[in-house]
Amino acid sequence: IRSSIFLLGPILTRFHKATVTFPGGCEIGLRPID
């Protein structure tokens, strides 16, 4: 699921650290998270 990346900000706010992998989702383009 592409939208897993939405948790990055809230997790950082809660724990001051986060470890994530690049998200998935439909293959409609690069959709980088930069």
Full PDB file with SEQRES, HELIX, SHEET, SSBOND, CRYST1, ORIGX, SCALE, CONECT and MASTER records, all heavy atoms in Angstrom:
SEQRES   1 A   34  ILE ARG SER SER ILE PHE LEU LEU GLY PRO ILE LEU THR          
SEQRES   2 A   34  ARG PHE HIS LYS ALA THR VAL THR PHE PRO GLY GLY CYS          
SEQRES   3 A   34  GLU ILE GLY LEU ARG PRO ILE ASP                              
HELIX    1 AA1 ARG A    2  LEU A    7  5                                   6    
HELIX    2 AA2 LEU A    8  PHE A   15  1                                   8    
CRYST1    1.000    1.000    1.000  90.00  90.00  90.00 P 1           1          
ORIGX1      1.000000  0.000000  0.000000        0.00000                         
ORIGX2      0.000000  1.000000  0.000000        0.00000                         
ORIGX3      0.000000  0.000000  1.000000        0.00000                         
SCALE1      1.000000  0.000000  0.000000        0.00000                         
SCALE2      0.000000  1.000000  0.000000        0.00000                         
SCALE3      0.000000  0.000000  1.000000        0.00000                         
ATOM      1  N   ILE A   1       0.833  -1.192   0.000  1.00  0.00           N  
ATOM      2  CA  ILE A   1       0.000   0.000   0.000  1.00  0.00           C  
ATOM      3  C   ILE A   1       0.868   1.243   0.000  1.00  0.00           C  
ATOM      4  O   ILE A   1       1.707   1.446   0.876  1.00  0.00           O  
ATOM      5  CB  ILE A   1      -0.973  -0.005   1.203  1.00  0.00           C  
ATOM      6  CG1 ILE A   1      -1.759   1.304   1.290  1.00  0.00           C  
ATOM      7  CG2 ILE A   1      -0.269  -0.310   2.497  1.00  0.00           C  
ATOM      8  CD1 ILE A   1      -2.805   1.298   2.377  1.00  0.00           C  
ATOM      9  N   ARG A   2       0.661   2.089  -0.988  1.00  0.00           N  
ATOM     10  CA  ARG A   2       1.401   3.340  -1.108  1.00  0.00           C  
ATOM     11  C   ARG A   2       1.216   4.215   0.137  1.00  0.00           C  
ATOM     12  O   ARG A   2       2.153   4.866   0.608  1.00  0.00           O  
ATOM     13  CB  ARG A   2       0.916   4.082  -2.357  1.00  0.00           C  
ATOM     14  CG  ARG A   2       1.392   5.514  -2.495  1.00  0.00           C  
ATOM     15  CD  ARG A   2       2.856   5.589  -2.834  1.00  0.00           C  
ATOM     16  NE  ARG A   2       3.317   6.965  -2.909  1.00  0.00           N  
ATOM     17  CZ  ARG A   2       4.569   7.325  -3.170  1.00  0.00           C  
ATOM     18  NH1 ARG A   2       5.461   6.390  -3.381  1.00  0.00           N  
ATOM     19  NH2 ARG A   2       4.913   8.570  -3.212  1.00  0.00           N  
ATOM     20  N   SER A   3       0.009   4.226   0.676  1.00  0.00           N  
ATOM     21  CA  SER A   3      -0.320   5.149   1.764  1.00  0.00           C  
ATOM     22  C   SER A   3       0.340   4.787   3.088  1.00  0.00           C  
ATOM     23  O   SER A   3       0.169   5.512   4.072  1.00  0.00           O  
ATOM     24  CB  SER A   3      -1.838   5.224   1.939  1.00  0.00           C  
ATOM     25  OG  SER A   3      -2.448   5.690   0.756  1.00  0.00           O  
ATOM     26  N   SER A   4       1.090   3.691   3.137  1.00  0.00           N  
ATOM     27  CA  SER A   4       1.829   3.382   4.366  1.00  0.00           C  
ATOM     28  C   SER A   4       2.790   4.501   4.723  1.00  0.00           C  
ATOM     29  O   SER A   4       3.112   4.715   5.896  1.00  0.00           O  
ATOM     30  CB  SER A   4       2.591   2.063   4.199  1.00  0.00           C  
ATOM     31  OG  SER A   4       3.537   2.160   3.131  1.00  0.00           O  
ATOM     32  N   ILE A   5       3.239   5.267   3.719  1.00  0.00           N  
ATOM     33  CA  ILE A   5       4.191   6.343   3.967  1.00  0.00           C  
ATOM     34  C   ILE A   5       3.580   7.439   4.837  1.00  0.00           C  
ATOM     35  O   ILE A   5       4.290   8.212   5.478  1.00  0.00           O  
ATOM     36  CB  ILE A   5       4.708   6.926   2.629  1.00  0.00           C  
ATOM     37  CG1 ILE A   5       5.967   7.778   2.849  1.00  0.00           C  
ATOM     38  CG2 ILE A   5       3.618   7.718   1.926  1.00  0.00           C  
ATOM     39  CD1 ILE A   5       7.154   7.009   3.346  1.00  0.00           C  
ATOM     40  N   PHE A   6       2.228   7.528   4.893  1.00  0.00           N  
ATOM     41  CA  PHE A   6       1.581   8.539   5.731  1.00  0.00           C  
ATOM     42  C   PHE A   6       1.937   8.367   7.208  1.00  0.00           C  
ATOM     43  O   PHE A   6       1.828   9.317   7.992  1.00  0.00           O  
ATOM     44  CB  PHE A   6       0.063   8.465   5.591  1.00  0.00           C  
ATOM     45  CG  PHE A   6      -0.455   8.984   4.285  1.00  0.00           C  
ATOM     46  CD1 PHE A   6      -1.408   8.271   3.575  1.00  0.00           C  
ATOM     47  CD2 PHE A   6       0.003  10.180   3.756  1.00  0.00           C  
ATOM     48  CE1 PHE A   6      -1.899   8.745   2.365  1.00  0.00           C  
ATOM     49  CE2 PHE A   6      -0.474  10.655   2.542  1.00  0.00           C  
ATOM     50  CZ  PHE A   6      -1.425   9.942   1.849  1.00  0.00           C  
ATOM     51  N   LEU A   7       2.326   7.177   7.597  1.00  0.00           N  
ATOM     52  CA  LEU A   7       2.634   6.925   9.001  1.00  0.00           C  
ATOM     53  C   LEU A   7       4.008   7.463   9.405  1.00  0.00           C  
ATOM     54  O   LEU A   7       4.322   7.521  10.597  1.00  0.00           O  
ATOM     55  CB  LEU A   7       2.570   5.425   9.296  1.00  0.00           C  
ATOM     56  CG  LEU A   7       1.163   4.871   9.516  1.00  0.00           C  
ATOM     57  CD1 LEU A   7       1.144   3.360   9.354  1.00  0.00           C  
ATOM     58  CD2 LEU A   7       0.656   5.267  10.902  1.00  0.00           C  
ATOM     59  N   LEU A   8       4.815   7.858   8.438  1.00  0.00           N  
ATOM     60  CA  LEU A   8       6.173   8.297   8.756  1.00  0.00           C  
ATOM     61  C   LEU A   8       6.161   9.509   9.687  1.00  0.00           C  
ATOM     62  O   LEU A   8       6.827   9.518  10.732  1.00  0.00           O  
ATOM     63  CB  LEU A   8       6.934   8.607   7.472  1.00  0.00           C  
ATOM     64  CG  LEU A   8       8.392   9.055   7.626  1.00  0.00           C  
ATOM     65  CD1 LEU A   8       9.182   8.058   8.455  1.00  0.00           C  
ATOM     66  CD2 LEU A   8       9.028   9.240   6.257  1.00  0.00           C  
ATOM     67  N   GLY A   9       5.416  10.545   9.339  1.00  0.00           N  
ATOM     68  CA  GLY A   9       5.348  11.742  10.173  1.00  0.00           C  
ATOM     69  C   GLY A   9       4.791  11.473  11.557  1.00  0.00           C  
ATOM     70  O   GLY A   9       5.402  11.870  12.575  1.00  0.00           O  
ATOM     71  N   PRO A  10       3.623  10.797  11.660  1.00  0.00           N  
ATOM     72  CA  PRO A  10       3.084  10.495  12.988  1.00  0.00           C  
ATOM     73  C   PRO A  10       3.989   9.622  13.851  1.00  0.00           C  
ATOM     74  O   PRO A  10       4.089   9.836  15.063  1.00  0.00           O  
ATOM     75  CB  PRO A  10       1.763   9.784  12.657  1.00  0.00           C  
ATOM     76  CG  PRO A  10       1.347  10.356  11.343  1.00  0.00           C  
ATOM     77  CD  PRO A  10       2.634  10.538  10.597  1.00  0.00           C  
ATOM     78  N   ILE A  11       4.654   8.621  13.259  1.00  0.00           N  
ATOM     79  CA  ILE A  11       5.557   7.771  14.046  1.00  0.00           C  
ATOM     80  C   ILE A  11       6.732   8.597  14.570  1.00  0.00           C  
ATOM     81  O   ILE A  11       7.149   8.462  15.731  1.00  0.00           O  
ATOM     82  CB  ILE A  11       6.055   6.581  13.208  1.00  0.00           C  
ATOM     83  CG1 ILE A  11       4.916   5.592  12.954  1.00  0.00           C  
ATOM     84  CG2 ILE A  11       7.200   5.863  13.912  1.00  0.00           C  
ATOM     85  CD1 ILE A  11       5.283   4.455  12.022  1.00  0.00           C  
ATOM     86  N   LEU A  12       7.287   9.471  13.717  1.00  0.00           N  
ATOM     87  CA  LEU A  12       8.380  10.330  14.163  1.00  0.00           C  
ATOM     88  C   LEU A  12       7.934  11.230  15.306  1.00  0.00           C  
ATOM     89  O   LEU A  12       8.681  11.457  16.270  1.00  0.00           O  
ATOM     90  CB  LEU A  12       8.866  11.182  12.989  1.00  0.00           C  
ATOM     91  CG  LEU A  12       9.895  10.544  12.061  1.00  0.00           C  
ATOM     92  CD1 LEU A  12      10.073  11.381  10.807  1.00  0.00           C  
ATOM     93  CD2 LEU A  12      11.230  10.381  12.780  1.00  0.00           C  
ATOM     94  N   THR A  13       6.729  11.751  15.211  1.00  0.00           N  
ATOM     95  CA  THR A  13       6.211  12.622  16.260  1.00  0.00           C  
ATOM     96  C   THR A  13       6.072  11.863  17.576  1.00  0.00           C  
ATOM     97  O   THR A  13       6.350  12.399  18.650  1.00  0.00           O  
ATOM     98  CB  THR A  13       4.849  13.199  15.840  1.00  0.00           C  
ATOM     99  OG1 THR A  13       5.017  13.980  14.651  1.00  0.00           O  
ATOM    100  CG2 THR A  13       4.250  14.068  16.924  1.00  0.00           C  
ATOM    101  N   ARG A  14       5.673  10.592  17.482  1.00  0.00           N  
ATOM    102  CA  ARG A  14       5.407   9.807  18.686  1.00  0.00           C  
ATOM    103  C   ARG A  14       6.677   9.244  19.313  1.00  0.00           C  
ATOM    104  O   ARG A  14       6.832   9.225  20.541  1.00  0.00           O  
ATOM    105  CB  ARG A  14       4.444   8.679  18.344  1.00  0.00           C  
ATOM    106  CG  ARG A  14       3.937   7.926  19.570  1.00  0.00           C  
ATOM    107  CD  ARG A  14       2.744   7.078  19.224  1.00  0.00           C  
ATOM    108  NE  ARG A  14       2.256   6.375  20.401  1.00  0.00           N  
ATOM    109  CZ  ARG A  14       0.991   6.330  20.782  1.00  0.00           C  
ATOM    110  NH1 ARG A  14       0.085   6.998  20.098  1.00  0.00           N  
ATOM    111  NH2 ARG A  14       0.631   5.652  21.848  1.00  0.00           N  
ATOM    112  N   PHE A  15       7.608   8.764  18.482  1.00  0.00           N  
ATOM    113  CA  PHE A  15       8.789   8.061  19.009  1.00  0.00           C  
ATOM    114  C   PHE A  15      10.121   8.784  18.740  1.00  0.00           C  
ATOM    115  O   PHE A  15      11.155   8.337  19.206  1.00  0.00           O  
ATOM    116  CB  PHE A  15       8.874   6.649  18.412  1.00  0.00           C  
ATOM    117  CG  PHE A  15       7.719   5.769  18.772  1.00  0.00           C  
ATOM    118  CD1 PHE A  15       6.734   5.475  17.840  1.00  0.00           C  
ATOM    119  CD2 PHE A  15       7.602   5.233  20.041  1.00  0.00           C  
ATOM    120  CE1 PHE A  15       5.659   4.655  18.167  1.00  0.00           C  
ATOM    121  CE2 PHE A  15       6.543   4.420  20.382  1.00  0.00           C  
ATOM    122  CZ  PHE A  15       5.562   4.129  19.447  1.00  0.00           C  
ATOM    123  N   HIS A  16      10.067   9.862  17.936  1.00  0.00           N  
ATOM    124  CA  HIS A  16      11.270  10.598  17.545  1.00  0.00           C  
ATOM    125  C   HIS A  16      12.230   9.739  16.728  1.00  0.00           C  
ATOM    126  O   HIS A  16      13.405  10.077  16.583  1.00  0.00           O  
ATOM    127  CB  HIS A  16      11.981  11.192  18.766  1.00  0.00           C  
ATOM    128  CG  HIS A  16      11.101  12.059  19.599  1.00  0.00           C  
ATOM    129  ND1 HIS A  16      10.525  13.215  19.130  1.00  0.00           N  
ATOM    130  CD2 HIS A  16      10.656  11.911  20.880  1.00  0.00           C  
ATOM    131  CE1 HIS A  16       9.786  13.765  20.078  1.00  0.00           C  
ATOM    132  NE2 HIS A  16       9.832  12.989  21.149  1.00  0.00           N  
ATOM    133  N   LYS A  17      11.735   8.631  16.215  1.00  0.00           N  
ATOM    134  CA  LYS A  17      12.503   7.807  15.288  1.00  0.00           C  
ATOM    135  C   LYS A  17      11.528   6.945  14.498  1.00  0.00           C  
ATOM    136  O   LYS A  17      10.409   6.675  14.947  1.00  0.00           O  
ATOM    137  CB  LYS A  17      13.507   6.931  16.021  1.00  0.00           C  
ATOM    138  CG  LYS A  17      12.923   6.009  17.076  1.00  0.00           C  
ATOM    139  CD  LYS A  17      14.022   5.246  17.808  1.00  0.00           C  
ATOM    140  CE  LYS A  17      13.458   4.401  18.952  1.00  0.00           C  
ATOM    141  NZ  LYS A  17      14.522   3.669  19.676  1.00  0.00           N  
ATOM    142  N   ALA A  18      11.951   6.528  13.313  1.00  0.00           N  
ATOM    143  CA  ALA A  18      11.106   5.684  12.468  1.00  0.00           C  
ATOM    144  C   ALA A  18      11.976   4.936  11.477  1.00  0.00           C  
ATOM    145  O   ALA A  18      12.995   5.459  11.002  1.00  0.00           O  
ATOM    146  CB  ALA A  18      10.061   6.526  11.726  1.00  0.00           C  
ATOM    147  N   THR A  19      11.578   3.709  11.185  1.00  0.00           N  
ATOM    148  CA  THR A  19      12.247   2.901  10.167  1.00  0.00           C  
ATOM    149  C   THR A  19      11.189   2.423   9.190  1.00  0.00           C  
ATOM    150  O   THR A  19      10.225   1.766   9.573  1.00  0.00           O  
ATOM    151  CB  THR A  19      12.958   1.690  10.791  1.00  0.00           C  
ATOM    152  OG1 THR A  19      13.918   2.155  11.745  1.00  0.00           O  
ATOM    153  CG2 THR A  19      13.658   0.860   9.727  1.00  0.00           C  
ATOM    154  N   VAL A  20      11.361   2.783   7.925  1.00  0.00           N  
ATOM    155  CA  VAL A  20      10.355   2.445   6.917  1.00  0.00           C  
ATOM    156  C   VAL A  20      11.041   1.911   5.664  1.00  0.00           C  
ATOM    157  O   VAL A  20      12.215   2.191   5.412  1.00  0.00           O  
ATOM    158  CB  VAL A  20       9.489   3.666   6.547  1.00  0.00           C  
ATOM    159  CG1 VAL A  20       8.741   4.203   7.757  1.00  0.00           C  
ATOM    160  CG2 VAL A  20      10.327   4.772   5.922  1.00  0.00           C  
ATOM    161  N   THR A  21      10.280   1.129   4.896  1.00  0.00           N  
ATOM    162  CA  THR A  21      10.731   0.701   3.575  1.00  0.00           C  
ATOM    163  C   THR A  21       9.988   1.520   2.536  1.00  0.00           C  
ATOM    164  O   THR A  21       9.005   2.194   2.833  1.00  0.00           O  
ATOM    165  CB  THR A  21      10.447  -0.789   3.354  1.00  0.00           C  
ATOM    166  OG1 THR A  21       9.042  -1.027   3.534  1.00  0.00           O  
ATOM    167  CG2 THR A  21      11.218  -1.643   4.333  1.00  0.00           C  
ATOM    168  N   PHE A  22      10.455   1.463   1.300  1.00  0.00           N  
ATOM    169  CA  PHE A  22       9.762   2.181   0.242  1.00  0.00           C  
ATOM    170  C   PHE A  22       8.373   1.575   0.048  1.00  0.00           C  
ATOM    171  O   PHE A  22       8.228   0.349  -0.027  1.00  0.00           O  
ATOM    172  CB  PHE A  22      10.559   2.127  -1.058  1.00  0.00           C  
ATOM    173  CG  PHE A  22      11.779   2.998  -1.030  1.00  0.00           C  
ATOM    174  CD1 PHE A  22      13.008   2.495  -0.636  1.00  0.00           C  
ATOM    175  CD2 PHE A  22      11.683   4.340  -1.363  1.00  0.00           C  
ATOM    176  CE1 PHE A  22      14.129   3.296  -0.582  1.00  0.00           C  
ATOM    177  CE2 PHE A  22      12.800   5.154  -1.321  1.00  0.00           C  
ATOM    178  CZ  PHE A  22      14.032   4.639  -0.930  1.00  0.00           C  
ATOM    179  N   PRO A  23       7.339   2.412  -0.032  1.00  0.00           N  
ATOM    180  CA  PRO A  23       5.968   1.895  -0.095  1.00  0.00           C  
ATOM    181  C   PRO A  23       5.628   1.315  -1.457  1.00  0.00           C  
ATOM    182  O   PRO A  23       6.317   1.559  -2.452  1.00  0.00           O  
ATOM    183  CB  PRO A  23       5.113   3.129   0.206  1.00  0.00           C  
ATOM    184  CG  PRO A  23       5.942   4.272  -0.287  1.00  0.00           C  
ATOM    185  CD  PRO A  23       7.375   3.877  -0.014  1.00  0.00           C  
ATOM    186  N   GLY A  24       4.510   0.549  -1.481  1.00  0.00           N  
ATOM    187  CA  GLY A  24       4.052  -0.053  -2.729  1.00  0.00           C  
ATOM    188  C   GLY A  24       2.855   0.680  -3.293  1.00  0.00           C  
ATOM    189  O   GLY A  24       2.765   1.894  -3.223  1.00  0.00           O  
ATOM    190  N   GLY A  25       1.891  -0.100  -3.844  1.00  0.00           N  
ATOM    191  CA  GLY A  25       0.713   0.505  -4.463  1.00  0.00           C  
ATOM    192  C   GLY A  25       0.648   0.161  -5.928  1.00  0.00           C  
ATOM    193  O   GLY A  25       1.409  -0.665  -6.439  1.00  0.00           O  
ATOM    194  N   CYS A  26      -0.265   0.824  -6.646  1.00  0.00           N  
ATOM    195  CA  CYS A  26      -0.424   0.566  -8.075  1.00  0.00           C  
ATOM    196  C   CYS A  26       0.815   1.001  -8.853  1.00  0.00           C  
ATOM    197  O   CYS A  26       1.451   2.009  -8.530  1.00  0.00           O  
ATOM    198  CB  CYS A  26      -1.647   1.322  -8.614  1.00  0.00           C  
ATOM    199  SG  CYS A  26      -3.225   0.614  -8.105  1.00  0.00           S  
ATOM    200  N   GLU A  27       1.139   0.258  -9.902  1.00  0.00           N  
ATOM    201  CA  GLU A  27       2.310   0.557 -10.713  1.00  0.00           C  
ATOM    202  C   GLU A  27       1.923   1.534 -11.819  1.00  0.00           C  
ATOM    203  O   GLU A  27       1.746   1.165 -12.982  1.00  0.00           O  
ATOM    204  CB  GLU A  27       2.893  -0.727 -11.289  1.00  0.00           C  
ATOM    205  CG  GLU A  27       3.417  -1.678 -10.211  1.00  0.00           C  
ATOM    206  CD  GLU A  27       3.985  -2.958 -10.777  1.00  0.00           C  
ATOM    207  OE1 GLU A  27       4.030  -3.087 -12.026  1.00  0.00           O  
ATOM    208  OE2 GLU A  27       4.377  -3.831  -9.999  1.00  0.00           O  
ATOM    209  N   ILE A  28       1.791   2.811 -11.456  1.00  0.00           N  
ATOM    210  CA  ILE A  28       1.376   3.833 -12.417  1.00  0.00           C  
ATOM    211  C   ILE A  28       2.465   4.869 -12.624  1.00  0.00           C  
ATOM    212  O   ILE A  28       2.236   5.898 -13.240  1.00  0.00           O  
ATOM    213  CB  ILE A  28       0.067   4.518 -11.971  1.00  0.00           C  
ATOM    214  CG1 ILE A  28       0.224   5.112 -10.578  1.00  0.00           C  
ATOM    215  CG2 ILE A  28      -1.084   3.540 -12.027  1.00  0.00           C  
ATOM    216  CD1 ILE A  28      -0.980   5.908 -10.110  1.00  0.00           C  
ATOM    217  N   GLY A  29       3.640   4.634 -12.086  1.00  0.00           N  
ATOM    218  CA  GLY A  29       4.738   5.575 -12.234  1.00  0.00           C  
ATOM    219  C   GLY A  29       5.704   5.462 -11.069  1.00  0.00           C  
ATOM    220  O   GLY A  29       5.523   4.666 -10.158  1.00  0.00           O  
ATOM    221  N   LEU A  30       6.740   6.288 -11.097  1.00  0.00           N  
ATOM    222  CA  LEU A  30       7.793   6.200 -10.095  1.00  0.00           C  
ATOM    223  C   LEU A  30       7.296   6.626  -8.710  1.00  0.00           C  
ATOM    224  O   LEU A  30       7.601   6.000  -7.713  1.00  0.00           O  
ATOM    225  CB  LEU A  30       8.981   7.077 -10.518  1.00  0.00           C  
ATOM    226  CG  LEU A  30       9.706   6.634 -11.790  1.00  0.00           C  
ATOM    227  CD1 LEU A  30      10.791   7.632 -12.159  1.00  0.00           C  
ATOM    228  CD2 LEU A  30      10.314   5.237 -11.589  1.00  0.00           C  
ATOM    229  N   ARG A  31       6.540   7.713  -8.630  1.00  0.00           N  
ATOM    230  CA  ARG A  31       5.995   8.229  -7.383  1.00  0.00           C  
ATOM    231  C   ARG A  31       7.030   8.197  -6.253  1.00  0.00           C  
ATOM    232  O   ARG A  31       6.842   7.569  -5.212  1.00  0.00           O  
ATOM    233  CB  ARG A  31       4.752   7.442  -6.958  1.00  0.00           C  
ATOM    234  CG  ARG A  31       3.673   7.462  -8.014  1.00  0.00           C  
ATOM    235  CD  ARG A  31       2.317   7.220  -7.449  1.00  0.00           C  
ATOM    236  NE  ARG A  31       2.136   5.869  -6.966  1.00  0.00           N  
ATOM    237  CZ  ARG A  31       0.981   5.407  -6.508  1.00  0.00           C  
ATOM    238  NH1 ARG A  31      -0.078   6.183  -6.480  1.00  0.00           N  
ATOM    239  NH2 ARG A  31       0.868   4.167  -6.077  1.00  0.00           N  
ATOM    240  N   PRO A  32       8.165   8.869  -6.440  1.00  0.00           N  
ATOM    241  CA  PRO A  32       9.207   8.836  -5.418  1.00  0.00           C  
ATOM    242  C   PRO A  32       8.749   9.533  -4.143  1.00  0.00           C  
ATOM    243  O   PRO A  32       7.874  10.401  -4.163  1.00  0.00           O  
ATOM    244  CB  PRO A  32      10.363   9.601  -6.072  1.00  0.00           C  
ATOM    245  CG  PRO A  32       9.700  10.520  -7.057  1.00  0.00           C  
ATOM    246  CD  PRO A  32       8.520   9.749  -7.572  1.00  0.00           C  
ATOM    247  N   ILE A  33       9.369   9.163  -3.025  1.00  0.00           N  
ATOM    248  CA  ILE A  33       8.991   9.760  -1.745  1.00  0.00           C  
ATOM    249  C   ILE A  33       9.993  10.830  -1.330  1.00  0.00           C  
ATOM    250  O   ILE A  33      10.017  11.241  -0.168  1.00  0.00           O  
ATOM    251  CB  ILE A  33       8.861   8.687  -0.651  1.00  0.00           C  
ATOM    252  CG1 ILE A  33      10.212   8.009  -0.387  1.00  0.00           C  
ATOM    253  CG2 ILE A  33       7.809   7.662  -1.018  1.00  0.00           C  
ATOM    254  CD1 ILE A  33      10.196   7.125   0.858  1.00  0.00           C  
ATOM    255  N   ASP A  34      10.804  11.304  -2.277  1.00  0.00           N  
ATOM    256  CA  ASP A  34      11.806  12.298  -1.927  1.00  0.00           C  
ATOM    257  C   ASP A  34      11.183  13.581  -1.404  1.00  0.00           C  
ATOM    258  O   ASP A  34      11.790  14.273  -0.573  1.00  0.00           O  
ATOM    259  CB  ASP A  34      12.717  12.585  -3.130  1.00  0.00           C  
ATOM    260  CG  ASP A  34      11.948  13.088  -4.334  1.00  0.00           C  
ATOM    261  OD1 ASP A  34      10.899  12.504  -4.649  1.00  0.00           O  
ATOM    262  OD2 ASP A  34      12.402  14.058  -4.975  1.00  0.00           O  
TER     263      ASP A  34                                                      
MASTER        0    0    0    2    0    0    0    6  262    1    0    3          
END                                                                             
